[in-house]
């Protein structure tokens, strides 16, 4: 049986490695950095910072989200409070529609405390898979 994390299990600092494979551009990308889940009113503030390698370009990259528990689910919100997606430890797949694009995620907690997310993104100008691996620091 795999581990079923609750929200506070994510607290702390994580090493983050991400691979991006674009089917349209045929281009691969890679992100390497850190992610933090920090206690905030009503949940956990998420922040990641690192370097994004796209071809010859190396860019500084940062993302912010807010994670909270609601009705037995973990809800992930954009930094401005808009809903992004939600999942449960038992149902780790979710979909976010951003017309005309579709974002599908599957979380994997089988090797907890190491865990991952795999995003499949499709749309008229998007077709990529993004896999993020989180390891405790």
N, C-alpha and C. Protein backbone atom coordinates (compact mmCIF):
# COMPACT_ATOMS: atom_id res chain seq x y z
N UNK A 1 0.84 -1.19 0.00
CA UNK A 1 0.00 0.00 0.00
C UNK A 1 0.88 1.24 0.00
N UNK A 2 0.56 2.23 -0.82
CA UNK A 2 1.37 3.43 -0.91
C UNK A 2 0.99 4.41 0.20
N UNK A 3 1.89 5.31 0.46
CA UNK A 3 1.70 6.34 1.48
C UNK A 3 0.65 7.34 1.01
N UNK A 4 -0.18 7.78 1.92
CA UNK A 4 -1.20 8.78 1.62
C UNK A 4 -0.92 10.03 2.44
N UNK A 5 -0.23 11.00 1.86
CA UNK A 5 0.13 12.20 2.63
C UNK A 5 -1.07 13.08 2.93
N UNK A 6 -1.03 13.75 4.08
CA UNK A 6 -1.98 14.84 4.28
C UNK A 6 -1.20 16.14 4.09
N UNK A 7 -1.90 17.22 4.11
CA UNK A 7 -1.32 18.49 3.72
C UNK A 7 -0.02 18.81 4.44
N UNK A 8 0.01 18.66 5.75
CA UNK A 8 1.18 19.08 6.51
C UNK A 8 2.40 18.20 6.26
N UNK A 9 2.22 17.03 5.67
CA UNK A 9 3.36 16.18 5.31
C UNK A 9 4.25 16.83 4.26
N UNK A 10 3.73 17.80 3.52
CA UNK A 10 4.51 18.48 2.50
C UNK A 10 5.38 19.61 3.05
N UNK A 11 5.14 20.01 4.30
CA UNK A 11 5.89 21.13 4.90
C UNK A 11 7.38 20.92 4.80
N UNK A 12 8.09 22.01 4.50
CA UNK A 12 9.54 21.95 4.48
C UNK A 12 10.13 22.27 3.13
N UNK A 13 11.41 21.94 3.00
CA UNK A 13 12.18 22.22 1.79
C UNK A 13 12.41 20.94 1.00
N UNK A 14 12.31 21.08 -0.32
CA UNK A 14 12.47 19.95 -1.23
C UNK A 14 13.44 20.31 -2.35
N UNK A 15 14.29 19.35 -2.73
CA UNK A 15 15.06 19.48 -3.97
C UNK A 15 14.10 19.15 -5.10
N UNK A 16 14.13 19.93 -6.16
CA UNK A 16 13.17 19.77 -7.25
C UNK A 16 13.90 19.66 -8.58
N UNK A 17 13.62 18.59 -9.30
CA UNK A 17 14.14 18.38 -10.65
C UNK A 17 12.93 18.17 -11.56
N UNK A 18 12.93 18.85 -12.71
CA UNK A 18 11.79 18.77 -13.63
C UNK A 18 12.29 18.54 -15.05
N UNK A 19 11.62 17.65 -15.74
CA UNK A 19 11.90 17.41 -17.16
C UNK A 19 10.67 17.80 -17.96
N UNK A 20 10.89 18.49 -19.07
CA UNK A 20 9.81 18.92 -19.95
C UNK A 20 10.10 18.41 -21.35
N UNK A 21 9.17 17.66 -21.90
CA UNK A 21 9.33 17.14 -23.26
C UNK A 21 8.18 17.63 -24.11
N UNK A 22 8.48 18.48 -25.09
CA UNK A 22 7.47 19.05 -25.97
C UNK A 22 7.35 18.22 -27.24
N UNK A 23 6.12 17.80 -27.53
CA UNK A 23 5.88 17.03 -28.74
C UNK A 23 5.79 17.93 -29.97
N UNK A 24 5.33 19.16 -29.80
CA UNK A 24 5.19 20.08 -30.94
C UNK A 24 6.55 20.62 -31.37
N UNK A 25 7.28 21.16 -30.41
CA UNK A 25 8.57 21.78 -30.74
C UNK A 25 9.69 20.74 -30.83
N UNK A 26 9.44 19.55 -30.30
CA UNK A 26 10.49 18.54 -30.28
C UNK A 26 11.66 18.95 -29.40
N UNK A 27 11.38 19.83 -28.48
CA UNK A 27 12.42 20.40 -27.63
C UNK A 27 12.25 19.92 -26.20
N UNK A 28 13.36 19.64 -25.56
CA UNK A 28 13.33 19.22 -24.17
C UNK A 28 13.77 20.39 -23.29
N UNK A 29 13.24 20.43 -22.10
CA UNK A 29 13.63 21.43 -21.12
C UNK A 29 13.94 20.75 -19.80
N UNK A 30 14.64 21.47 -18.96
CA UNK A 30 15.00 20.92 -17.65
C UNK A 30 15.02 22.06 -16.64
N UNK A 31 14.45 21.79 -15.47
CA UNK A 31 14.46 22.74 -14.37
C UNK A 31 15.15 22.08 -13.19
N UNK A 32 15.97 22.83 -12.48
CA UNK A 32 16.64 22.33 -11.29
C UNK A 32 16.60 23.43 -10.24
N UNK A 33 16.10 23.09 -9.06
CA UNK A 33 16.01 24.10 -8.01
C UNK A 33 15.51 23.55 -6.70
N UNK A 34 14.83 24.42 -5.96
CA UNK A 34 14.29 24.10 -4.64
C UNK A 34 12.83 24.49 -4.59
N UNK A 35 12.08 23.79 -3.75
CA UNK A 35 10.67 24.12 -3.49
C UNK A 35 10.48 24.14 -1.98
N UNK A 36 9.63 25.06 -1.54
CA UNK A 36 9.32 25.18 -0.12
C UNK A 36 7.81 25.20 0.06
N UNK A 37 7.34 24.45 1.05
CA UNK A 37 5.97 24.51 1.53
C UNK A 37 6.06 25.10 2.93
N UNK A 38 5.55 26.32 3.10
CA UNK A 38 5.65 27.03 4.37
C UNK A 38 4.26 27.29 4.94
N UNK A 39 4.13 27.11 6.26
CA UNK A 39 2.86 27.35 6.92
C UNK A 39 2.39 28.78 6.65
N UNK A 40 1.12 28.90 6.29
CA UNK A 40 0.47 30.19 6.06
C UNK A 40 -0.97 30.05 6.54
N UNK A 41 -1.63 31.15 6.76
CA UNK A 41 -3.00 31.09 7.25
C UNK A 41 -3.88 30.27 6.31
N UNK A 42 -4.43 29.18 6.83
CA UNK A 42 -5.33 28.34 6.06
C UNK A 42 -4.68 27.25 5.24
N UNK A 43 -3.35 27.12 5.29
CA UNK A 43 -2.72 26.06 4.51
C UNK A 43 -1.22 26.23 4.40
N UNK A 44 -0.70 25.93 3.21
CA UNK A 44 0.74 26.00 2.94
C UNK A 44 1.00 26.87 1.71
N UNK A 45 1.89 27.83 1.86
CA UNK A 45 2.34 28.62 0.71
C UNK A 45 3.45 27.83 0.03
N UNK A 46 3.33 27.65 -1.27
CA UNK A 46 4.32 26.91 -2.06
C UNK A 46 5.11 27.90 -2.90
N UNK A 47 6.42 27.73 -2.90
CA UNK A 47 7.29 28.55 -3.75
C UNK A 47 8.40 27.67 -4.29
N UNK A 48 8.69 27.82 -5.57
CA UNK A 48 9.84 27.13 -6.16
C UNK A 48 10.70 28.15 -6.88
N UNK A 49 12.00 27.91 -6.83
CA UNK A 49 12.97 28.79 -7.48
C UNK A 49 14.07 27.92 -8.06
N UNK A 50 14.51 28.26 -9.26
CA UNK A 50 15.60 27.49 -9.85
C UNK A 50 15.94 27.98 -11.24
N UNK A 51 16.70 27.16 -11.94
CA UNK A 51 17.15 27.46 -13.30
C UNK A 51 16.40 26.57 -14.28
N UNK A 52 15.88 27.20 -15.33
CA UNK A 52 15.18 26.50 -16.39
C UNK A 52 16.07 26.51 -17.63
N UNK A 53 16.40 25.32 -18.11
CA UNK A 53 17.24 25.15 -19.30
C UNK A 53 16.33 24.79 -20.47
N UNK A 54 16.26 25.67 -21.46
CA UNK A 54 15.49 25.43 -22.68
C UNK A 54 16.43 25.62 -23.86
N UNK A 55 16.85 24.53 -24.46
CA UNK A 55 17.86 24.63 -25.52
C UNK A 55 19.11 25.25 -24.95
N UNK A 56 19.63 26.29 -25.60
CA UNK A 56 20.84 26.97 -25.13
C UNK A 56 20.53 28.01 -24.06
N UNK A 57 19.26 28.36 -23.89
CA UNK A 57 18.89 29.40 -22.92
C UNK A 57 18.82 28.84 -21.50
N UNK A 58 19.32 29.61 -20.56
CA UNK A 58 19.21 29.29 -19.14
C UNK A 58 18.52 30.48 -18.47
N UNK A 59 17.35 30.22 -17.90
CA UNK A 59 16.53 31.28 -17.34
C UNK A 59 16.31 31.05 -15.85
N UNK A 60 16.21 32.12 -15.09
CA UNK A 60 15.80 32.02 -13.69
C UNK A 60 14.29 31.84 -13.70
N UNK A 61 13.77 30.88 -12.93
CA UNK A 61 12.34 30.59 -12.93
C UNK A 61 11.82 30.52 -11.50
N UNK A 62 10.58 30.92 -11.33
CA UNK A 62 9.93 30.90 -10.01
C UNK A 62 8.44 30.68 -10.20
N UNK A 63 7.83 29.92 -9.28
CA UNK A 63 6.38 29.69 -9.27
C UNK A 63 5.90 29.78 -7.84
N UNK A 64 4.65 30.19 -7.68
CA UNK A 64 4.02 30.23 -6.36
C UNK A 64 2.60 29.71 -6.47
N UNK A 65 2.22 28.91 -5.47
CA UNK A 65 0.86 28.39 -5.34
C UNK A 65 0.48 28.42 -3.87
N UNK A 66 -0.76 28.06 -3.60
CA UNK A 66 -1.22 27.91 -2.22
C UNK A 66 -1.95 26.59 -2.13
N UNK A 67 -1.55 25.74 -1.17
CA UNK A 67 -2.18 24.44 -0.96
C UNK A 67 -2.99 24.51 0.33
N UNK A 68 -4.19 23.92 0.31
CA UNK A 68 -5.02 23.88 1.51
C UNK A 68 -5.89 22.63 1.50
N UNK A 69 -6.39 22.27 2.67
CA UNK A 69 -7.31 21.15 2.80
C UNK A 69 -8.74 21.67 2.77
N UNK A 70 -9.60 20.98 2.05
CA UNK A 70 -11.01 21.34 1.98
C UNK A 70 -11.82 20.11 1.59
N UNK A 71 -12.80 19.78 2.41
CA UNK A 71 -13.71 18.67 2.12
C UNK A 71 -12.97 17.37 1.80
N UNK A 72 -11.92 17.07 2.55
CA UNK A 72 -11.19 15.83 2.36
C UNK A 72 -10.24 15.82 1.17
N UNK A 73 -10.08 16.96 0.52
CA UNK A 73 -9.18 17.06 -0.63
C UNK A 73 -8.06 18.04 -0.31
N UNK A 74 -7.00 17.94 -1.10
CA UNK A 74 -5.97 18.97 -1.10
C UNK A 74 -6.25 19.83 -2.32
N UNK A 75 -6.53 21.10 -2.05
CA UNK A 75 -6.79 22.03 -3.14
C UNK A 75 -5.52 22.82 -3.43
N UNK A 76 -5.21 22.99 -4.70
CA UNK A 76 -4.07 23.78 -5.13
C UNK A 76 -4.64 25.02 -5.82
N UNK A 77 -4.23 26.18 -5.31
CA UNK A 77 -4.70 27.45 -5.85
C UNK A 77 -3.53 28.20 -6.48
N UNK A 78 -3.82 29.02 -7.48
CA UNK A 78 -2.81 29.93 -7.99
C UNK A 78 -2.48 30.94 -6.89
N UNK A 79 -1.36 31.61 -6.99
CA UNK A 79 -0.93 32.56 -5.96
C UNK A 79 -1.96 33.65 -5.72
N UNK A 80 -2.77 34.00 -6.74
CA UNK A 80 -3.78 35.04 -6.58
C UNK A 80 -5.10 34.52 -6.02
N UNK A 81 -5.15 33.21 -5.66
CA UNK A 81 -6.33 32.63 -5.04
C UNK A 81 -7.29 31.93 -5.99
N UNK A 82 -7.05 32.00 -7.29
CA UNK A 82 -7.91 31.28 -8.24
C UNK A 82 -7.68 29.78 -8.11
N UNK A 83 -8.75 28.97 -8.26
CA UNK A 83 -8.58 27.52 -8.18
C UNK A 83 -7.75 26.98 -9.35
N UNK A 84 -6.90 26.02 -9.05
CA UNK A 84 -6.08 25.35 -10.07
C UNK A 84 -6.57 23.92 -10.22
N UNK A 85 -6.42 23.11 -9.18
CA UNK A 85 -6.92 21.73 -9.20
C UNK A 85 -6.96 21.21 -7.77
N UNK A 86 -7.54 20.04 -7.60
CA UNK A 86 -7.56 19.38 -6.29
C UNK A 86 -7.41 17.89 -6.48
N UNK A 87 -6.94 17.24 -5.41
CA UNK A 87 -6.75 15.79 -5.45
C UNK A 87 -6.92 15.26 -4.04
N UNK A 88 -7.06 13.95 -3.93
CA UNK A 88 -7.07 13.29 -2.63
C UNK A 88 -5.90 12.30 -2.62
N UNK A 89 -5.46 11.92 -1.44
CA UNK A 89 -4.39 10.92 -1.39
C UNK A 89 -4.78 9.61 -2.09
N UNK A 90 -6.08 9.30 -2.16
CA UNK A 90 -6.53 8.08 -2.83
C UNK A 90 -6.75 8.31 -4.33
N UNK A 91 -7.17 9.50 -4.72
CA UNK A 91 -7.41 9.84 -6.13
C UNK A 91 -6.45 10.96 -6.51
N UNK A 92 -5.27 10.56 -6.99
CA UNK A 92 -4.17 11.51 -7.18
C UNK A 92 -4.12 12.15 -8.57
N UNK A 93 -5.15 11.94 -9.37
CA UNK A 93 -5.20 12.55 -10.69
C UNK A 93 -6.19 13.70 -10.68
N UNK A 94 -5.90 14.74 -11.46
CA UNK A 94 -6.79 15.89 -11.55
C UNK A 94 -6.63 16.53 -12.92
N UNK A 95 -7.62 17.34 -13.28
CA UNK A 95 -7.61 18.04 -14.56
C UNK A 95 -7.93 19.51 -14.33
N UNK A 96 -7.22 20.35 -15.06
CA UNK A 96 -7.49 21.79 -15.06
C UNK A 96 -7.73 22.21 -16.50
N UNK A 97 -8.87 22.86 -16.73
CA UNK A 97 -9.19 23.35 -18.06
C UNK A 97 -8.89 24.84 -18.12
N UNK A 98 -8.06 25.23 -19.08
CA UNK A 98 -7.74 26.63 -19.32
C UNK A 98 -7.96 26.82 -20.82
N UNK A 99 -9.24 26.97 -21.17
CA UNK A 99 -9.67 26.98 -22.57
C UNK A 99 -8.74 27.80 -23.45
N UNK A 100 -8.18 27.22 -24.49
CA UNK A 100 -8.53 25.93 -25.08
C UNK A 100 -7.61 24.78 -24.66
N UNK A 101 -6.81 24.98 -23.61
CA UNK A 101 -5.83 23.98 -23.21
C UNK A 101 -6.35 23.11 -22.05
N UNK A 102 -5.81 21.89 -21.98
CA UNK A 102 -6.17 20.95 -20.92
C UNK A 102 -4.89 20.51 -20.21
N UNK A 103 -4.90 20.62 -18.89
CA UNK A 103 -3.77 20.24 -18.04
C UNK A 103 -4.21 19.06 -17.19
N UNK A 104 -3.55 17.92 -17.33
CA UNK A 104 -3.88 16.73 -16.56
C UNK A 104 -2.67 16.34 -15.72
N UNK A 105 -2.89 16.14 -14.43
CA UNK A 105 -1.80 15.81 -13.52
C UNK A 105 -2.08 14.48 -12.84
N UNK A 106 -1.00 13.76 -12.55
CA UNK A 106 -1.06 12.57 -11.71
C UNK A 106 0.09 12.66 -10.72
N UNK A 107 -0.24 12.61 -9.45
CA UNK A 107 0.77 12.61 -8.39
C UNK A 107 1.13 11.18 -8.05
N UNK A 108 2.38 10.96 -7.66
CA UNK A 108 2.84 9.63 -7.27
C UNK A 108 3.56 9.74 -5.92
N UNK A 109 2.99 9.11 -4.91
CA UNK A 109 3.55 9.14 -3.56
C UNK A 109 4.08 7.77 -3.12
N UNK A 110 4.25 6.84 -4.06
CA UNK A 110 4.63 5.46 -3.74
C UNK A 110 5.99 5.36 -3.05
N UNK A 111 6.91 6.31 -3.31
CA UNK A 111 8.25 6.26 -2.71
C UNK A 111 8.44 7.35 -1.67
N UNK A 112 7.35 7.75 -1.01
CA UNK A 112 7.39 8.81 -0.01
C UNK A 112 8.52 8.58 0.97
N UNK A 113 9.32 9.59 1.31
CA UNK A 113 9.06 11.01 1.13
C UNK A 113 9.49 11.57 -0.22
N UNK A 114 10.01 10.76 -1.10
CA UNK A 114 10.26 11.22 -2.47
C UNK A 114 8.94 11.07 -3.22
N UNK A 115 8.57 12.07 -4.00
CA UNK A 115 7.30 12.03 -4.72
C UNK A 115 7.43 12.78 -6.03
N UNK A 116 6.43 12.63 -6.88
CA UNK A 116 6.49 13.28 -8.19
C UNK A 116 5.11 13.70 -8.67
N UNK A 117 5.12 14.57 -9.65
CA UNK A 117 3.90 14.92 -10.38
C UNK A 117 4.23 14.83 -11.87
N UNK A 118 3.25 14.37 -12.63
CA UNK A 118 3.42 14.27 -14.08
C UNK A 118 2.26 14.99 -14.74
N UNK A 119 2.58 16.05 -15.46
CA UNK A 119 1.58 16.85 -16.16
C UNK A 119 1.59 16.52 -17.65
N UNK A 120 0.42 16.33 -18.21
CA UNK A 120 0.24 16.17 -19.66
C UNK A 120 -0.59 17.38 -20.09
N UNK A 121 -0.03 18.21 -20.96
CA UNK A 121 -0.68 19.45 -21.36
C UNK A 121 -0.92 19.40 -22.86
N UNK A 122 -2.18 19.61 -23.26
CA UNK A 122 -2.54 19.58 -24.67
C UNK A 122 -3.41 20.79 -25.01
N UNK A 123 -3.32 21.21 -26.23
CA UNK A 123 -4.11 22.33 -26.74
C UNK A 123 -3.69 22.63 -28.16
N UNK A 124 -4.29 23.62 -28.77
CA UNK A 124 -3.96 23.93 -30.16
C UNK A 124 -2.48 24.20 -30.40
N UNK A 125 -1.81 24.83 -29.44
CA UNK A 125 -0.38 25.13 -29.60
C UNK A 125 0.47 24.50 -28.49
N UNK A 126 -0.12 23.58 -27.73
CA UNK A 126 0.61 22.95 -26.63
C UNK A 126 0.47 21.44 -26.72
N UNK A 127 1.57 20.76 -26.48
CA UNK A 127 1.58 19.31 -26.42
C UNK A 127 2.87 18.90 -25.73
N UNK A 128 2.84 18.83 -24.41
CA UNK A 128 4.05 18.47 -23.69
C UNK A 128 3.75 17.68 -22.44
N UNK A 129 4.79 17.01 -21.95
CA UNK A 129 4.74 16.28 -20.70
C UNK A 129 5.80 16.88 -19.79
N UNK A 130 5.41 17.16 -18.55
CA UNK A 130 6.31 17.76 -17.58
C UNK A 130 6.29 16.90 -16.32
N UNK A 131 7.45 16.34 -15.99
CA UNK A 131 7.56 15.47 -14.81
C UNK A 131 8.46 16.15 -13.78
N UNK A 132 7.92 16.32 -12.58
CA UNK A 132 8.66 16.96 -11.48
C UNK A 132 8.90 15.94 -10.39
N UNK A 133 10.15 15.89 -9.91
CA UNK A 133 10.52 14.97 -8.83
C UNK A 133 10.97 15.77 -7.62
N UNK A 134 10.36 15.47 -6.48
CA UNK A 134 10.63 16.17 -5.22
C UNK A 134 11.32 15.22 -4.25
N UNK A 135 12.43 15.66 -3.69
CA UNK A 135 13.17 14.88 -2.70
C UNK A 135 13.43 15.77 -1.48
N UNK A 136 13.22 15.22 -0.27
CA UNK A 136 13.41 16.05 0.93
C UNK A 136 14.87 16.50 1.04
N UNK A 137 15.03 17.70 1.58
CA UNK A 137 16.39 18.25 1.78
C UNK A 137 16.78 18.05 3.23
